[in-house]
Amino acid sequence: SLFPSFILIRHITNPTSSPLEIQATIPDLMIPFVPIIQEKEKPFSMFVDLYNKYPWVLKPLKYSNTDNLIAVMKKAIIDPAIKLSDDLFIMRNRPLETRHTDDYKS
């Protein structure tokens, strides 16, 4: 990574307080959010809205057991999150581009 990377990994299987925490966190922190969930489980209902609204929320990663999750940690969680973090850094720091009315005159 060329830039400082921060990521948030959150287990969303059988959520209790996590929907409220996640809903309060995702909009305010423009950092990669990596949801993980056990196979055969579904994310809480409002998660889809967060996923569709915020481009820094990665697709949930399903896993069958902890050993499999640990085995793919770098490739499936860390690497995609760092790539997204780099993209977000560039996006946050891009110069403001303006338009001018003269560009629209015939």
Protein backbone atom coordinates (compact mmCIF):
# COMPACT_ATOMS: atom_id res chain seq x y z
CA SER A 1 0.00 0.00 0.00
CA LEU A 2 1.21 3.46 -0.86
CA PHE A 3 -0.96 5.18 1.71
CA PRO A 4 -1.83 4.67 5.38
CA SER A 5 -4.47 1.97 5.58
CA PHE A 6 -7.20 1.61 8.15
CA ILE A 7 -9.81 -1.09 7.93
CA LEU A 8 -12.72 -2.23 10.04
CA ILE A 9 -13.46 -5.95 10.13
CA ARG A 10 -16.79 -6.83 11.74
CA HIS A 11 -18.43 -10.15 12.40
CA ILE A 12 -22.12 -9.77 11.55
CA THR A 13 -23.42 -13.27 12.34
CA ASN A 14 -26.31 -13.30 14.83
CA PRO A 15 -26.17 -9.57 15.47
CA THR A 16 -27.43 -8.16 18.74
CA SER A 17 -26.14 -4.62 19.17
CA SER A 18 -24.03 -4.69 16.00
CA PRO A 19 -26.71 -3.34 13.62
CA LEU A 20 -26.92 -0.12 15.62
CA GLU A 21 -23.15 0.12 16.00
CA ILE A 22 -22.60 -0.55 12.31
CA GLN A 23 -25.29 1.88 11.24
CA ALA A 24 -23.70 4.56 13.43
CA THR A 25 -20.15 3.83 12.25
CA ILE A 26 -20.24 3.21 8.50
CA PRO A 27 -21.61 6.61 7.42
CA ASP A 28 -19.06 8.54 9.50
CA LEU A 29 -15.91 6.55 8.77
CA MET A 30 -14.83 6.49 5.16
CA ILE A 31 -12.63 3.44 5.66
CA PRO A 32 -13.00 -0.08 4.30
CA PHE A 33 -15.58 -2.04 6.22
CA VAL A 34 -15.14 -5.80 5.85
CA PRO A 35 -18.17 -7.77 7.05
CA ILE A 36 -17.69 -11.46 7.77
CA ILE A 37 -20.54 -13.89 8.31
CA GLN A 38 -20.93 -17.58 8.95
CA GLU A 39 -22.09 -19.71 6.07
CA LYS A 40 -25.88 -20.23 5.96
CA GLU A 41 -26.45 -17.00 7.90
CA LYS A 42 -27.80 -13.77 6.44
CA PRO A 43 -26.80 -10.22 7.29
CA PHE A 44 -29.29 -8.17 9.30
CA SER A 45 -31.96 -6.64 7.08
CA MET A 46 -30.67 -3.06 6.99
CA PHE A 47 -27.16 -4.14 6.04
CA VAL A 48 -28.11 -4.27 2.36
CA ASP A 49 -28.96 -0.56 2.48
CA LEU A 50 -25.56 0.26 3.98
CA TYR A 51 -23.80 -1.92 1.40
CA ASN A 52 -25.62 -0.22 -1.47
CA LYS A 53 -25.14 3.31 -0.14
CA TYR A 54 -21.50 3.32 0.95
CA PRO A 55 -18.81 2.20 -1.52
CA TRP A 56 -16.38 1.51 1.31
CA VAL A 57 -18.44 -1.49 2.45
CA LEU A 58 -17.06 -4.66 0.90
CA LYS A 59 -19.19 -7.67 0.02
CA PRO A 60 -19.75 -9.84 3.09
CA LEU A 61 -17.32 -12.73 3.30
CA LYS A 62 -18.99 -16.01 4.22
CA TYR A 63 -17.00 -18.74 5.90
CA SER A 64 -17.70 -22.32 6.92
CA ASN A 65 -15.31 -22.53 9.87
CA THR A 66 -12.69 -20.48 11.65
CA ASP A 67 -9.77 -22.40 10.15
CA ASN A 68 -10.96 -21.57 6.62
CA LEU A 69 -11.44 -17.93 7.57
CA ILE A 70 -7.93 -17.68 9.02
CA ALA A 71 -6.47 -19.44 5.97
CA VAL A 72 -7.77 -16.77 3.60
CA MET A 73 -7.43 -13.76 5.89
CA LYS A 74 -4.77 -11.97 3.82
CA LYS A 75 -6.17 -12.77 0.37
CA ALA A 76 -9.89 -12.34 1.13
CA ILE A 77 -9.88 -9.63 3.81
CA ILE A 78 -6.63 -7.71 4.16
CA ASP A 79 -5.61 -7.34 0.50
CA PRO A 80 -9.03 -6.17 -0.79
CA ALA A 81 -9.38 -3.80 2.16
CA ILE A 82 -5.95 -2.25 1.56
CA LYS A 83 -6.73 -1.84 -2.15
CA LEU A 84 -10.00 -0.12 -1.29
CA SER A 85 -8.24 2.02 1.31
CA ASP A 86 -5.78 3.21 -1.34
CA ASP A 87 -8.66 4.01 -3.71
CA LEU A 88 -10.49 5.93 -0.99
CA PHE A 89 -7.34 7.89 -0.11
CA ILE A 90 -6.98 8.96 -3.73
CA MET A 91 -10.67 9.86 -3.93
CA ARG A 92 -10.56 11.94 -0.72
CA ASN A 93 -7.49 13.82 -1.91
CA ARG A 94 -8.37 14.48 -5.53
CA PRO A 95 -8.37 18.12 -6.58
CA LEU A 96 -11.69 19.84 -7.07
CA GLU A 97 -12.59 19.98 -10.72
CA THR A 98 -14.90 22.74 -11.84
CA ARG A 99 -17.06 23.33 -14.88
CA HIS A 100 -17.67 26.61 -16.62
CA THR A 101 -20.72 27.92 -18.39
CA ASP A 102 -18.58 28.66 -21.44
CA ASP A 103 -18.13 24.92 -21.89
CA TYR A 104 -21.86 24.63 -22.63
CA LYS A 105 -22.25 27.45 -25.14
CA SER A 106 -22.70 26.50 -28.76
